[in-house]
């Protein structure tokens, strides 16, 4: 219908980055399915007690709801660790059962704060912020690591770009695919132009 390839799945994500070129031989999993692709080893998994420690550290700074706790951890680890709700909320319940925190409903969300017993506990047993180790583990001085900050954001955008490109190739008309190729070419030239601009400034 009007040039659209309905029912044709086309190349999946495995055509990206040059993988999946065919040849008949059975191929291994695509590179992004390999551990650590493409930036080195994946971020370390949470150690036992990390979620609990993170909650206590954050609540010493002020009340927070579960969503805010998750977002604060993501921010402080520069995207290197995002605890799941399935880990955070049971930990909050456990701390509440121990009498270290209390939850109060506000605007449809339960906000948590340290109790007097919780403040005493934190003073006597200072929790270690787990993000201090995680950012250090990924520093460039420690060898290959997981991207952080703007670098992580760039590769996040790259992943989204790949998804959009797959959709265009699978569902677009030949004209739309050709337009997508032009956009990619223009983008590639602009990226190289960013580097070229720095070189020109250094030579000036």
C-alpha atoms as a PDB file:
ATOM      1  CA  UNK A   1       0.000   0.000   0.000  1.00  0.00           C
ATOM      2  CA  UNK A   2       1.520   3.227  -1.194  1.00  0.00           C
ATOM      3  CA  UNK A   3       5.031   1.864  -0.928  1.00  0.00           C
ATOM      4  CA  UNK A   4       4.841   0.732   2.678  1.00  0.00           C
ATOM      5  CA  UNK A   5       6.137  -2.726   3.341  1.00  0.00           C
ATOM      6  CA  UNK A   6       3.326  -4.051   5.519  1.00  0.00           C
ATOM      7  CA  UNK A   7       4.091  -7.424   7.038  1.00  0.00           C
ATOM      8  CA  UNK A   8       7.805  -7.120   6.297  1.00  0.00           C
ATOM      9  CA  UNK A   9       9.819  -7.043   9.452  1.00  0.00           C
ATOM     10  CA  UNK A  10      13.063  -5.990   7.839  1.00  0.00           C
ATOM     11  CA  UNK A  11      16.365  -6.003   9.660  1.00  0.00           C
ATOM     12  CA  UNK A  12      16.021  -5.906  13.393  1.00  0.00           C
ATOM     13  CA  UNK A  13      18.335  -4.062  15.768  1.00  0.00           C
ATOM     14  CA  UNK A  14      21.101  -6.518  14.854  1.00  0.00           C
ATOM     15  CA  UNK A  15      21.833  -4.572  11.671  1.00  0.00           C
ATOM     16  CA  UNK A  16      23.126  -1.665  13.736  1.00  0.00           C
ATOM     17  CA  UNK A  17      26.851  -1.182  14.300  1.00  0.00           C
ATOM     18  CA  UNK A  18      27.711  -3.526  11.448  1.00  0.00           C
ATOM     19  CA  UNK A  19      26.568  -6.734  13.119  1.00  0.00           C
ATOM     20  CA  UNK A  20      24.375  -9.306  11.442  1.00  0.00           C
ATOM     21  CA  UNK A  21      25.803  -9.162   7.955  1.00  0.00           C
ATOM     22  CA  UNK A  22      24.543 -12.605   7.055  1.00  0.00           C
ATOM     23  CA  UNK A  23      26.683 -15.340   5.557  1.00  0.00           C
ATOM     24  CA  UNK A  24      24.584 -18.305   6.598  1.00  0.00           C
ATOM     25  CA  UNK A  25      26.681 -19.310   9.580  1.00  0.00           C
ATOM     26  CA  UNK A  26      25.011 -19.229  12.932  1.00  0.00           C
ATOM     27  CA  UNK A  27      25.920 -15.969  14.610  1.00  0.00           C
ATOM     28  CA  UNK A  28      26.442 -15.168  18.232  1.00  0.00           C
ATOM     29  CA  UNK A  29      24.244 -12.729  20.097  1.00  0.00           C
ATOM     30  CA  UNK A  30      24.477  -9.134  18.896  1.00  0.00           C
ATOM     31  CA  UNK A  31      27.238  -7.066  20.505  1.00  0.00           C
ATOM     32  CA  UNK A  32      24.840  -5.020  22.660  1.00  0.00           C
ATOM     33  CA  UNK A  33      23.672  -8.293  24.225  1.00  0.00           C
ATOM     34  CA  UNK A  34      27.218  -9.085  25.270  1.00  0.00           C
ATOM     35  CA  UNK A  35      28.185  -8.164  28.839  1.00  0.00           C
ATOM     36  CA  UNK A  36      29.518  -4.643  29.007  1.00  0.00           C
ATOM     37  CA  UNK A  37      28.940  -3.636  25.370  1.00  0.00           C
ATOM     38  CA  UNK A  38      30.130  -1.167  24.252  1.00  0.00           C
ATOM     39  CA  UNK A  39      31.765   0.669  27.123  1.00  0.00           C
ATOM     40  CA  UNK A  40      33.576  -1.955  29.145  1.00  0.00           C
ATOM     41  CA  UNK A  41      32.207  -3.839  32.128  1.00  0.00           C
ATOM     42  CA  UNK A  42      28.633  -3.178  33.209  1.00  0.00           C
ATOM     43  CA  UNK A  43      28.039  -1.275  36.409  1.00  0.00           C
ATOM     44  CA  UNK A  44      28.421  -3.305  39.557  1.00  0.00           C
ATOM     45  CA  UNK A  45      25.267  -4.761  41.005  1.00  0.00           C
ATOM     46  CA  UNK A  46      24.027  -3.442  44.294  1.00  0.00           C
ATOM     47  CA  UNK A  47      25.781  -4.987  47.252  1.00  0.00           C
ATOM     48  CA  UNK A  48      23.810  -6.302  50.178  1.00  0.00           C
ATOM     49  CA  UNK A  49      22.708  -3.362  52.288  1.00  0.00           C
ATOM     50  CA  UNK A  50      23.278  -0.716  49.593  1.00  0.00           C
ATOM     51  CA  UNK A  51      19.581   0.160  49.275  1.00  0.00           C
ATOM     52  CA  UNK A  52      19.166   0.401  53.034  1.00  0.00           C
ATOM     53  CA  UNK A  53      22.271   2.577  53.372  1.00  0.00           C
ATOM     54  CA  UNK A  54      21.169   4.838  50.522  1.00  0.00           C
ATOM     55  CA  UNK A  55      17.758   5.372  52.108  1.00  0.00           C
ATOM     56  CA  UNK A  56      19.228   6.225  55.513  1.00  0.00           C
ATOM     57  CA  UNK A  57      21.789   8.629  54.043  1.00  0.00           C
ATOM     58  CA  UNK A  58      19.150  10.446  52.014  1.00  0.00           C
ATOM     59  CA  UNK A  59      16.656  10.650  54.861  1.00  0.00           C
ATOM     60  CA  UNK A  60      19.260  12.270  57.096  1.00  0.00           C
ATOM     61  CA  UNK A  61      19.071  15.173  54.621  1.00  0.00           C
ATOM     62  CA  UNK A  62      15.274  15.396  54.741  1.00  0.00           C
ATOM     63  CA  UNK A  63      11.999  13.557  54.092  1.00  0.00           C
ATOM     64  CA  UNK A  64      11.529  11.873  50.718  1.00  0.00           C
ATOM     65  CA  UNK A  65       9.064   9.611  48.996  1.00  0.00           C
ATOM     66  CA  UNK A  66      10.117   6.400  47.279  1.00  0.00           C
ATOM     67  CA  UNK A  67      10.282   7.960  43.829  1.00  0.00           C
ATOM     68  CA  UNK A  68      12.504  10.786  45.080  1.00  0.00           C
ATOM     69  CA  UNK A  69      14.833   8.271  46.721  1.00  0.00           C
ATOM     70  CA  UNK A  70      15.240   6.388  43.449  1.00  0.00           C
ATOM     71  CA  UNK A  71      15.846   9.582  41.465  1.00  0.00           C
ATOM     72  CA  UNK A  72      18.361  10.901  44.013  1.00  0.00           C
ATOM     73  CA  UNK A  73      20.335   7.656  43.821  1.00  0.00           C
ATOM     74  CA  UNK A  74      20.355   7.857  40.002  1.00  0.00           C
ATOM     75  CA  UNK A  75      21.584  11.450  40.141  1.00  0.00           C
ATOM     76  CA  UNK A  76      24.295  10.813  42.718  1.00  0.00           C
ATOM     77  CA  UNK A  77      25.619   7.779  40.893  1.00  0.00           C
ATOM     78  CA  UNK A  78      25.529   9.777  37.631  1.00  0.00           C
ATOM     79  CA  UNK A  79      23.220   7.198  36.114  1.00  0.00           C
ATOM     80  CA  UNK A  80      25.350   4.265  37.195  1.00  0.00           C
ATOM     81  CA  UNK A  81      22.782   2.741  39.538  1.00  0.00           C
ATOM     82  CA  UNK A  82      19.004   2.878  39.541  1.00  0.00           C
ATOM     83  CA  UNK A  83      17.538   0.800  42.346  1.00  0.00           C
ATOM     84  CA  UNK A  84      14.239  -0.770  41.403  1.00  0.00           C
ATOM     85  CA  UNK A  85      10.995  -0.037  43.226  1.00  0.00           C
ATOM     86  CA  UNK A  86      10.992  -3.744  44.071  1.00  0.00           C
ATOM     87  CA  UNK A  87      14.139  -3.162  46.130  1.00  0.00           C
ATOM     88  CA  UNK A  88      13.397   0.291  47.553  1.00  0.00           C
ATOM     89  CA  UNK A  89       9.866  -0.151  48.887  1.00  0.00           C
ATOM     90  CA  UNK A  90      10.508  -3.409  50.781  1.00  0.00           C
ATOM     91  CA  UNK A  91      13.575  -1.746  52.338  1.00  0.00           C
ATOM     92  CA  UNK A  92      11.422   1.222  53.364  1.00  0.00           C
ATOM     93  CA  UNK A  93       8.898  -1.141  54.915  1.00  0.00           C
ATOM     94  CA  UNK A  94      11.648  -2.978  56.791  1.00  0.00           C
ATOM     95  CA  UNK A  95      13.078   0.274  58.175  1.00  0.00           C
ATOM     96  CA  UNK A  96       9.572   1.315  59.175  1.00  0.00           C
ATOM     97  CA  UNK A  97       9.008  -2.013  60.937  1.00  0.00           C
ATOM     98  CA  UNK A  98      12.247  -1.426  62.844  1.00  0.00           C
ATOM     99  CA  UNK A  99      10.961   1.955  63.954  1.00  0.00           C
ATOM    100  CA  UNK A 100      13.793   3.841  62.239  1.00  0.00           C
ATOM    101  CA  UNK A 101      11.573   5.717  59.780  1.00  0.00           C
ATOM    102  CA  UNK A 102       7.929   6.676  59.545  1.00  0.00           C
ATOM    103  CA  UNK A 103       5.732   7.267  56.519  1.00  0.00           C
ATOM    104  CA  UNK A 104       3.078   9.936  56.128  1.00  0.00           C
ATOM    105  CA  UNK A 105       0.613  10.294  53.265  1.00  0.00           C
ATOM    106  CA  UNK A 106       0.826  13.602  51.397  1.00  0.00           C
ATOM    107  CA  UNK A 107      -0.638  14.435  47.976  1.00  0.00           C
ATOM    108  CA  UNK A 108      -1.251  10.774  47.242  1.00  0.00           C
ATOM    109  CA  UNK A 109       2.331   9.774  48.054  1.00  0.00           C
ATOM    110  CA  UNK A 110       3.843   8.390  51.218  1.00  0.00           C
ATOM    111  CA  UNK A 111       6.739  10.523  52.392  1.00  0.00           C
ATOM    112  CA  UNK A 112       9.304   8.967  54.714  1.00  0.00           C
ATOM    113  CA  UNK A 113      11.344  10.600  57.468  1.00  0.00           C
ATOM    114  CA  UNK A 114      13.676   9.417  60.208  1.00  0.00           C
ATOM    115  CA  UNK A 115      12.178   8.875  63.611  1.00  0.00           C
ATOM    116  CA  UNK A 116      13.975   9.895  66.790  1.00  0.00           C
ATOM    117  CA  UNK A 117      15.165   6.293  67.071  1.00  0.00           C
ATOM    118  CA  UNK A 118      16.291   6.474  63.447  1.00  0.00           C
ATOM    119  CA  UNK A 119      18.355   9.611  64.036  1.00  0.00           C
ATOM    120  CA  UNK A 120      19.981   7.961  67.033  1.00  0.00           C
ATOM    121  CA  UNK A 121      20.688   4.833  64.987  1.00  0.00           C
ATOM    122  CA  UNK A 122      22.265   6.813  62.148  1.00  0.00           C
ATOM    123  CA  UNK A 123      24.431   8.757  64.614  1.00  0.00           C
ATOM    124  CA  UNK A 124      25.666   5.576  66.254  1.00  0.00           C
ATOM    125  CA  UNK A 125      25.906   3.568  63.011  1.00  0.00           C
ATOM    126  CA  UNK A 126      26.736   6.053  60.234  1.00  0.00           C
ATOM    127  CA  UNK A 127      25.695   4.499  56.903  1.00  0.00           C
ATOM    128  CA  UNK A 128      28.197   4.710  54.062  1.00  0.00           C
ATOM    129  CA  UNK A 129      26.790   6.350  50.949  1.00  0.00           C
ATOM    130  CA  UNK A 130      27.004   3.598  48.282  1.00  0.00           C
ATOM    131  CA  UNK A 131      27.368   6.111  45.433  1.00  0.00           C
ATOM    132  CA  UNK A 132      30.831   7.225  46.591  1.00  0.00           C
ATOM    133  CA  UNK A 133      32.232   3.811  45.647  1.00  0.00           C
ATOM    134  CA  UNK A 134      30.248   3.570  42.415  1.00  0.00           C
ATOM    135  CA  UNK A 135      31.478   6.838  40.961  1.00  0.00           C
ATOM    136  CA  UNK A 136      35.029   5.915  41.873  1.00  0.00           C
ATOM    137  CA  UNK A 137      34.749   2.498  40.250  1.00  0.00           C
ATOM    138  CA  UNK A 138      33.821   4.107  36.947  1.00  0.00           C
ATOM    139  CA  UNK A 139      36.417   6.854  36.918  1.00  0.00           C
ATOM    140  CA  UNK A 140      38.708   6.977  33.889  1.00  0.00           C
ATOM    141  CA  UNK A 141      41.752   6.569  36.083  1.00  0.00           C
ATOM    142  CA  UNK A 142      40.590   3.091  37.059  1.00  0.00           C
ATOM    143  CA  UNK A 143      40.608   1.770  33.495  1.00  0.00           C
ATOM    144  CA  UNK A 144      37.605   0.985  31.310  1.00  0.00           C
ATOM    145  CA  UNK A 145      34.335   1.679  33.075  1.00  0.00           C
ATOM    146  CA  UNK A 146      30.715   2.591  32.594  1.00  0.00           C
ATOM    147  CA  UNK A 147      30.005   6.039  31.132  1.00  0.00           C
ATOM    148  CA  UNK A 148      28.809   8.765  33.456  1.00  0.00           C
ATOM    149  CA  UNK A 149      27.437  12.282  33.205  1.00  0.00           C
ATOM    150  CA  UNK A 150      27.130  13.730  29.711  1.00  0.00           C
ATOM    151  CA  UNK A 151      28.835  10.660  28.228  1.00  0.00           C
ATOM    152  CA  UNK A 152      26.114   8.405  29.624  1.00  0.00           C
ATOM    153  CA  UNK A 153      23.462  10.813  28.356  1.00  0.00           C
ATOM    154  CA  UNK A 154      24.961  10.784  24.846  1.00  0.00           C
ATOM    155  CA  UNK A 155      24.904   7.006  24.636  1.00  0.00           C
ATOM    156  CA  UNK A 156      21.379   6.973  26.029  1.00  0.00           C
ATOM    157  CA  UNK A 157      20.361   9.187  23.117  1.00  0.00           C
ATOM    158  CA  UNK A 158      22.226   6.845  20.767  1.00  0.00           C
ATOM    159  CA  UNK A 159      20.159   3.918  22.022  1.00  0.00           C
ATOM    160  CA  UNK A 160      16.947   5.849  21.421  1.00  0.00           C
ATOM    161  CA  UNK A 161      18.177   6.832  17.958  1.00  0.00           C
ATOM    162  CA  UNK A 162      18.762   3.183  17.155  1.00  0.00           C
ATOM    163  CA  UNK A 163      15.199   2.290  18.136  1.00  0.00           C
ATOM    164  CA  UNK A 164      13.785   5.078  15.985  1.00  0.00           C
ATOM    165  CA  UNK A 165      15.926   4.021  13.039  1.00  0.00           C
ATOM    166  CA  UNK A 166      14.757   0.420  13.312  1.00  0.00           C
ATOM    167  CA  UNK A 167      11.138   1.576  13.221  1.00  0.00           C
ATOM    168  CA  UNK A 168      11.718   3.698  10.120  1.00  0.00           C
ATOM    169  CA  UNK A 169      13.448   0.835   8.308  1.00  0.00           C
ATOM    170  CA  UNK A 170      10.777  -1.681   9.282  1.00  0.00           C
ATOM    171  CA  UNK A 171       7.675   0.422   8.616  1.00  0.00           C
ATOM    172  CA  UNK A 172       8.744   3.304   6.384  1.00  0.00           C
ATOM    173  CA  UNK A 173       8.342   3.712   2.669  1.00  0.00           C
ATOM    174  CA  UNK A 174      11.438   3.674   0.441  1.00  0.00           C
ATOM    175  CA  UNK A 175      11.327   7.469   0.378  1.00  0.00           C
ATOM    176  CA  UNK A 176      11.216   7.673   4.156  1.00  0.00           C
ATOM    177  CA  UNK A 177      14.124   5.249   4.498  1.00  0.00           C
ATOM    178  CA  UNK A 178      16.122   7.337   2.028  1.00  0.00           C
ATOM    179  CA  UNK A 179      15.310  10.473   4.024  1.00  0.00           C
ATOM    180  CA  UNK A 180      16.425   8.736   7.223  1.00  0.00           C
ATOM    181  CA  UNK A 181      19.726   7.833   5.544  1.00  0.00           C
ATOM    182  CA  UNK A 182      20.207  11.482   4.614  1.00  0.00           C
ATOM    183  CA  UNK A 183      19.519  12.571   8.195  1.00  0.00           C
ATOM    184  CA  UNK A 184      22.076  10.081   9.485  1.00  0.00           C
ATOM    185  CA  UNK A 185      24.663  11.269   6.989  1.00  0.00           C
ATOM    186  CA  UNK A 186      24.087  14.897   7.922  1.00  0.00           C
ATOM    187  CA  UNK A 187      24.315  14.036  11.621  1.00  0.00           C
ATOM    188  CA  UNK A 188      27.571  12.131  11.126  1.00  0.00           C
ATOM    189  CA  UNK A 189      29.116  15.084   9.280  1.00  0.00           C
ATOM    190  CA  UNK A 190      27.973  17.479  12.008  1.00  0.00           C
ATOM    191  CA  UNK A 191      29.552  15.274  14.682  1.00  0.00           C
ATOM    192  CA  UNK A 192      32.868  15.297  12.870  1.00  0.00           C
ATOM    193  CA  UNK A 193      32.410  19.047  12.486  1.00  0.00           C
ATOM    194  CA  UNK A 194      32.359  19.397  16.277  1.00  0.00           C
ATOM    195  CA  UNK A 195      35.815  17.835  16.480  1.00  0.00           C
ATOM    196  CA  UNK A 196      37.059  19.830  13.508  1.00  0.00           C
ATOM    197  CA  UNK A 197      35.949  23.060  15.173  1.00  0.00           C
ATOM    198  CA  UNK A 198      38.051  22.267  18.255  1.00  0.00           C
ATOM    199  CA  UNK A 199      41.057  21.526  16.071  1.00  0.00           C
ATOM    200  CA  UNK A 200      40.673  24.834  14.220  1.00  0.00           C
ATOM    201  CA  UNK A 201      40.471  26.705  17.533  1.00  0.00           C
ATOM    202  CA  UNK A 202      43.651  25.005  18.784  1.00  0.00           C
ATOM    203  CA  UNK A 203      45.503  25.889  15.571  1.00  0.00           C
ATOM    204  CA  UNK A 204      44.328  29.510  15.585  1.00  0.00           C
END
